[in-house]
Amino acid sequence: MSIRTLVVVPTLGQRPDFLAQSLASIRAAGVSRILLVGPASFDASEIVAAGLADEKVDEAARGLAAAINQGFAAAGPGIDYLAWLGDDDLLRADGYVLGTTANFGYMSGAMKHVFDSTFLQIGGALDASGATGLTLSSVTIAWGEAGLAAGARVR
């Protein structure tokens, strides 16, 4: 399969644990070329040697937009799709947390509607019995000044 997607990851190299998780999430999502753009002082040789990124280029100008644009400009032939991901973001998460304040009940109805109307399209599946096929491994409900927040982790 040919690599047709370039994912640019701008970084300062100051959060190595987050960066490794971010790059691993891109690799887990499928075939793509991963290009790190960061300052010359950031040594990414171990990351490239480990296969988490394909290449690191030194940023030509400071700033997030400049780093992303520099990465996109380095796409080269054969790249049909461009994307970028922050060095502390995950391309795919184990779970999602959505919250709303207690006095906005219509918001929880809106969130339920989004789940109900997109569940199958975003990777949910039903088995022959009609079950989701997902395993709920934890549920967290918290109450604070901002209101109620609930999150679920699925496997």
C-alpha atoms as a PDB file:
ATOM      1  CA  MET A   1       0.000   0.000   0.000  1.00  0.00           C
ATOM      2  CA  SER A   2       1.479   3.367  -0.947  1.00  0.00           C
ATOM      3  CA  ILE A   3       1.639   6.184   1.551  1.00  0.00           C
ATOM      4  CA  ARG A   4      -0.714   8.897   0.379  1.00  0.00           C
ATOM      5  CA  THR A   5      -1.181  10.839   3.630  1.00  0.00           C
ATOM      6  CA  LEU A   6       1.274  13.171   5.321  1.00  0.00           C
ATOM      7  CA  VAL A   7       0.718  13.986   8.978  1.00  0.00           C
ATOM      8  CA  VAL A   8       2.719  16.961  10.205  1.00  0.00           C
ATOM      9  CA  VAL A   9       3.389  17.116  13.940  1.00  0.00           C
ATOM     10  CA  PRO A  10       4.726  20.499  15.055  1.00  0.00           C
ATOM     11  CA  THR A  11       6.595  20.222  18.351  1.00  0.00           C
ATOM     12  CA  LEU A  12       9.000  22.020  20.625  1.00  0.00           C
ATOM     13  CA  GLY A  13      10.123  18.645  21.965  1.00  0.00           C
ATOM     14  CA  GLN A  14       9.344  19.646  25.548  1.00  0.00           C
ATOM     15  CA  ARG A  15       6.713  16.945  26.225  1.00  0.00           C
ATOM     16  CA  PRO A  16       8.314  13.652  25.172  1.00  0.00           C
ATOM     17  CA  ASP A  17       5.703  11.420  26.838  1.00  0.00           C
ATOM     18  CA  PHE A  18       2.809  13.190  25.140  1.00  0.00           C
ATOM     19  CA  LEU A  19       4.693  13.282  21.843  1.00  0.00           C
ATOM     20  CA  ALA A  20       5.323   9.530  21.904  1.00  0.00           C
ATOM     21  CA  GLN A  21       1.631   8.839  22.603  1.00  0.00           C
ATOM     22  CA  SER A  22       0.577  11.224  19.831  1.00  0.00           C
ATOM     23  CA  LEU A  23       2.896   9.623  17.278  1.00  0.00           C
ATOM     24  CA  ALA A  24       1.854   6.108  18.338  1.00  0.00           C
ATOM     25  CA  SER A  25      -1.810   7.045  17.791  1.00  0.00           C
ATOM     26  CA  ILE A  26      -1.003   8.153  14.235  1.00  0.00           C
ATOM     27  CA  ARG A  27       0.905   4.923  13.519  1.00  0.00           C
ATOM     28  CA  ALA A  28      -1.956   2.851  14.929  1.00  0.00           C
ATOM     29  CA  ALA A  29      -4.436   4.568  12.603  1.00  0.00           C
ATOM     30  CA  GLY A  30      -2.797   3.227   9.474  1.00  0.00           C
ATOM     31  CA  VAL A  31      -0.277   3.957   6.776  1.00  0.00           C
ATOM     32  CA  SER A  32       0.918   7.546   6.665  1.00  0.00           C
ATOM     33  CA  ARG A  33       4.129   9.510   6.514  1.00  0.00           C
ATOM     34  CA  ILE A  34       4.797  11.335   9.780  1.00  0.00           C
ATOM     35  CA  LEU A  35       6.897  14.485   9.667  1.00  0.00           C
ATOM     36  CA  LEU A  36       8.037  16.252  12.843  1.00  0.00           C
ATOM     37  CA  VAL A  37       8.768  19.959  12.581  1.00  0.00           C
ATOM     38  CA  GLY A  38      10.610  21.475  15.522  1.00  0.00           C
ATOM     39  CA  PRO A  39      13.502  23.627  16.649  1.00  0.00           C
ATOM     40  CA  ALA A  40      17.054  22.604  15.754  1.00  0.00           C
ATOM     41  CA  SER A  41      17.743  22.114  19.470  1.00  0.00           C
ATOM     42  CA  PHE A  42      15.254  19.219  19.595  1.00  0.00           C
ATOM     43  CA  ASP A  43      16.955  15.907  18.810  1.00  0.00           C
ATOM     44  CA  ALA A  44      14.371  13.482  17.424  1.00  0.00           C
ATOM     45  CA  SER A  45      16.832  10.787  16.342  1.00  0.00           C
ATOM     46  CA  GLU A  46      15.542   8.261  18.915  1.00  0.00           C
ATOM     47  CA  ILE A  47      11.942   8.886  17.858  1.00  0.00           C
ATOM     48  CA  VAL A  48      12.794   8.376  14.182  1.00  0.00           C
ATOM     49  CA  ALA A  49      14.925   5.295  14.980  1.00  0.00           C
ATOM     50  CA  ALA A  50      12.000   3.811  16.949  1.00  0.00           C
ATOM     51  CA  GLY A  51       9.758   4.215  13.906  1.00  0.00           C
ATOM     52  CA  LEU A  52       7.354   6.659  15.541  1.00  0.00           C
ATOM     53  CA  ALA A  53       8.163   9.328  12.947  1.00  0.00           C
ATOM     54  CA  ASP A  54       9.648   9.142   9.481  1.00  0.00           C
ATOM     55  CA  GLU A  55      11.608  12.358   9.544  1.00  0.00           C
ATOM     56  CA  LYS A  56      12.266  15.496  11.589  1.00  0.00           C
ATOM     57  CA  VAL A  57      12.973  18.836   9.963  1.00  0.00           C
ATOM     58  CA  ASP A  58      14.202  21.955  11.715  1.00  0.00           C
ATOM     59  CA  GLU A  59      11.665  24.745  11.769  1.00  0.00           C
ATOM     60  CA  ALA A  60      12.537  27.643   9.508  1.00  0.00           C
ATOM     61  CA  ALA A  61      10.380  30.164  11.390  1.00  0.00           C
ATOM     62  CA  ARG A  62       8.833  30.276  14.851  1.00  0.00           C
ATOM     63  CA  GLY A  63       5.164  29.606  15.377  1.00  0.00           C
ATOM     64  CA  LEU A  64       2.598  26.862  15.014  1.00  0.00           C
ATOM     65  CA  ALA A  65       1.227  27.996  11.645  1.00  0.00           C
ATOM     66  CA  ALA A  66       4.733  28.375  10.201  1.00  0.00           C
ATOM     67  CA  ALA A  67       5.676  24.848  11.320  1.00  0.00           C
ATOM     68  CA  ILE A  68       2.510  23.324   9.852  1.00  0.00           C
ATOM     69  CA  ASN A  69       2.944  25.179   6.553  1.00  0.00           C
ATOM     70  CA  GLN A  70       6.604  24.145   6.373  1.00  0.00           C
ATOM     71  CA  GLY A  71       5.593  20.524   6.860  1.00  0.00           C
ATOM     72  CA  PHE A  72       2.879  20.735   4.224  1.00  0.00           C
ATOM     73  CA  ALA A  73       5.341  22.294   1.774  1.00  0.00           C
ATOM     74  CA  ALA A  74       7.603  19.248   2.261  1.00  0.00           C
ATOM     75  CA  ALA A  75       4.862  16.838   1.183  1.00  0.00           C
ATOM     76  CA  GLY A  76       6.491  15.872  -2.079  1.00  0.00           C
ATOM     77  CA  PRO A  77       5.023  13.721  -4.858  1.00  0.00           C
ATOM     78  CA  GLY A  78       2.566  10.946  -4.133  1.00  0.00           C
ATOM     79  CA  ILE A  79       0.958  12.647  -1.132  1.00  0.00           C
ATOM     80  CA  ASP A  80      -2.747  13.170  -1.709  1.00  0.00           C
ATOM     81  CA  TYR A  81      -3.867  14.089   1.808  1.00  0.00           C
ATOM     82  CA  LEU A  82      -2.397  16.525   4.332  1.00  0.00           C
ATOM     83  CA  ALA A  83      -3.154  16.576   8.040  1.00  0.00           C
ATOM     84  CA  TRP A  84      -1.563  17.898  11.195  1.00  0.00           C
ATOM     85  CA  LEU A  85      -1.813  16.875  14.813  1.00  0.00           C
ATOM     86  CA  GLY A  86      -0.539  18.636  17.909  1.00  0.00           C
ATOM     87  CA  ASP A  87       2.244  16.962  19.848  1.00  0.00           C
ATOM     88  CA  ASP A  88      -0.092  16.468  22.812  1.00  0.00           C
ATOM     89  CA  ASP A  89      -3.152  15.257  20.881  1.00  0.00           C
ATOM     90  CA  LEU A  90      -4.293  11.753  20.021  1.00  0.00           C
ATOM     91  CA  LEU A  91      -5.586  10.847  16.597  1.00  0.00           C
ATOM     92  CA  ARG A  92      -7.895   8.336  18.234  1.00  0.00           C
ATOM     93  CA  ALA A  93      -8.834   8.233  21.882  1.00  0.00           C
ATOM     94  CA  ASP A  94      -9.922   5.370  24.147  1.00  0.00           C
ATOM     95  CA  GLY A  95     -12.908   7.384  25.295  1.00  0.00           C
ATOM     96  CA  TYR A  96     -14.538  10.795  25.199  1.00  0.00           C
ATOM     97  CA  VAL A  97     -15.854  13.059  27.924  1.00  0.00           C
ATOM     98  CA  LEU A  98     -18.770  15.354  27.210  1.00  0.00           C
ATOM     99  CA  GLY A  99     -20.245  17.659  29.796  1.00  0.00           C
ATOM    100  CA  THR A 100     -22.907  20.269  30.265  1.00  0.00           C
ATOM    101  CA  THR A 101     -24.010  22.521  33.073  1.00  0.00           C
ATOM    102  CA  ALA A 102     -26.898  21.276  35.166  1.00  0.00           C
ATOM    103  CA  ASN A 103     -29.253  24.076  34.126  1.00  0.00           C
ATOM    104  CA  PHE A 104     -29.012  23.264  30.415  1.00  0.00           C
ATOM    105  CA  GLY A 105     -30.944  20.001  30.199  1.00  0.00           C
ATOM    106  CA  TYR A 106     -31.500  20.428  26.478  1.00  0.00           C
ATOM    107  CA  MET A 107     -27.724  20.065  25.978  1.00  0.00           C
ATOM    108  CA  SER A 108     -27.723  16.516  27.337  1.00  0.00           C
ATOM    109  CA  GLY A 109     -30.559  15.719  24.930  1.00  0.00           C
ATOM    110  CA  ALA A 110     -28.514  17.186  22.087  1.00  0.00           C
ATOM    111  CA  MET A 111     -25.487  15.071  23.043  1.00  0.00           C
ATOM    112  CA  LYS A 112     -27.659  11.935  23.155  1.00  0.00           C
ATOM    113  CA  HIS A 113     -29.023  12.792  19.710  1.00  0.00           C
ATOM    114  CA  VAL A 114     -25.481  13.092  18.306  1.00  0.00           C
ATOM    115  CA  PHE A 115     -24.551   9.674  19.708  1.00  0.00           C
ATOM    116  CA  ASP A 116     -27.771   8.080  18.521  1.00  0.00           C
ATOM    117  CA  SER A 117     -27.401   9.437  14.998  1.00  0.00           C
ATOM    118  CA  THR A 118     -23.654   8.807  14.540  1.00  0.00           C
ATOM    119  CA  PHE A 119     -22.850   5.686  16.576  1.00  0.00           C
ATOM    120  CA  LEU A 120     -22.629   3.246  13.660  1.00  0.00           C
ATOM    121  CA  GLN A 121     -20.856   5.718  11.387  1.00  0.00           C
ATOM    122  CA  ILE A 122     -18.030   6.400  13.882  1.00  0.00           C
ATOM    123  CA  GLY A 123     -17.156   2.776  14.427  1.00  0.00           C
ATOM    124  CA  GLY A 124     -19.844   1.385  16.699  1.00  0.00           C
ATOM    125  CA  ALA A 125     -21.165  -1.996  15.671  1.00  0.00           C
ATOM    126  CA  LEU A 126     -24.128  -4.180  16.508  1.00  0.00           C
ATOM    127  CA  ASP A 127     -23.780  -7.937  16.858  1.00  0.00           C
ATOM    128  CA  ALA A 128     -26.500 -10.442  15.899  1.00  0.00           C
ATOM    129  CA  SER A 129     -28.308  -9.944  19.220  1.00  0.00           C
ATOM    130  CA  GLY A 130     -28.450  -6.178  18.734  1.00  0.00           C
ATOM    131  CA  ALA A 131     -25.772  -5.493  21.334  1.00  0.00           C
ATOM    132  CA  THR A 132     -23.193  -2.837  20.584  1.00  0.00           C
ATOM    133  CA  GLY A 133     -20.199  -5.130  20.633  1.00  0.00           C
ATOM    134  CA  LEU A 134     -18.432  -2.553  22.812  1.00  0.00           C
ATOM    135  CA  THR A 135     -17.262  -3.337  26.319  1.00  0.00           C
ATOM    136  CA  LEU A 136     -17.698  -0.591  28.838  1.00  0.00           C
ATOM    137  CA  SER A 137     -14.642  -0.653  31.066  1.00  0.00           C
ATOM    138  CA  SER A 138     -15.317   2.394  33.209  1.00  0.00           C
ATOM    139  CA  VAL A 139     -17.795   5.182  33.745  1.00  0.00           C
ATOM    140  CA  THR A 140     -16.954   8.434  35.476  1.00  0.00           C
ATOM    141  CA  ILE A 141     -19.476  10.973  36.653  1.00  0.00           C
ATOM    142  CA  ALA A 142     -18.285  14.139  38.361  1.00  0.00           C
ATOM    143  CA  TRP A 143     -20.081  17.137  39.770  1.00  0.00           C
ATOM    144  CA  GLY A 144     -18.288  20.434  40.125  1.00  0.00           C
ATOM    145  CA  GLU A 145     -18.729  24.173  39.755  1.00  0.00           C
ATOM    146  CA  ALA A 146     -19.080  23.763  35.986  1.00  0.00           C
ATOM    147  CA  GLY A 147     -21.906  21.257  36.375  1.00  0.00           C
ATOM    148  CA  LEU A 148     -22.169  17.589  35.533  1.00  0.00           C
ATOM    149  CA  ALA A 149     -19.631  15.755  33.412  1.00  0.00           C
ATOM    150  CA  ALA A 150     -19.761  12.110  32.447  1.00  0.00           C
ATOM    151  CA  GLY A 151     -17.310  10.006  30.556  1.00  0.00           C
ATOM    152  CA  ALA A 152     -17.139   6.411  29.468  1.00  0.00           C
ATOM    153  CA  ARG A 153     -14.219   4.311  28.344  1.00  0.00           C
ATOM    154  CA  VAL A 154     -14.902   1.536  25.897  1.00  0.00           C
ATOM    155  CA  ARG A 155     -12.798  -1.354  24.642  1.00  0.00           C
END
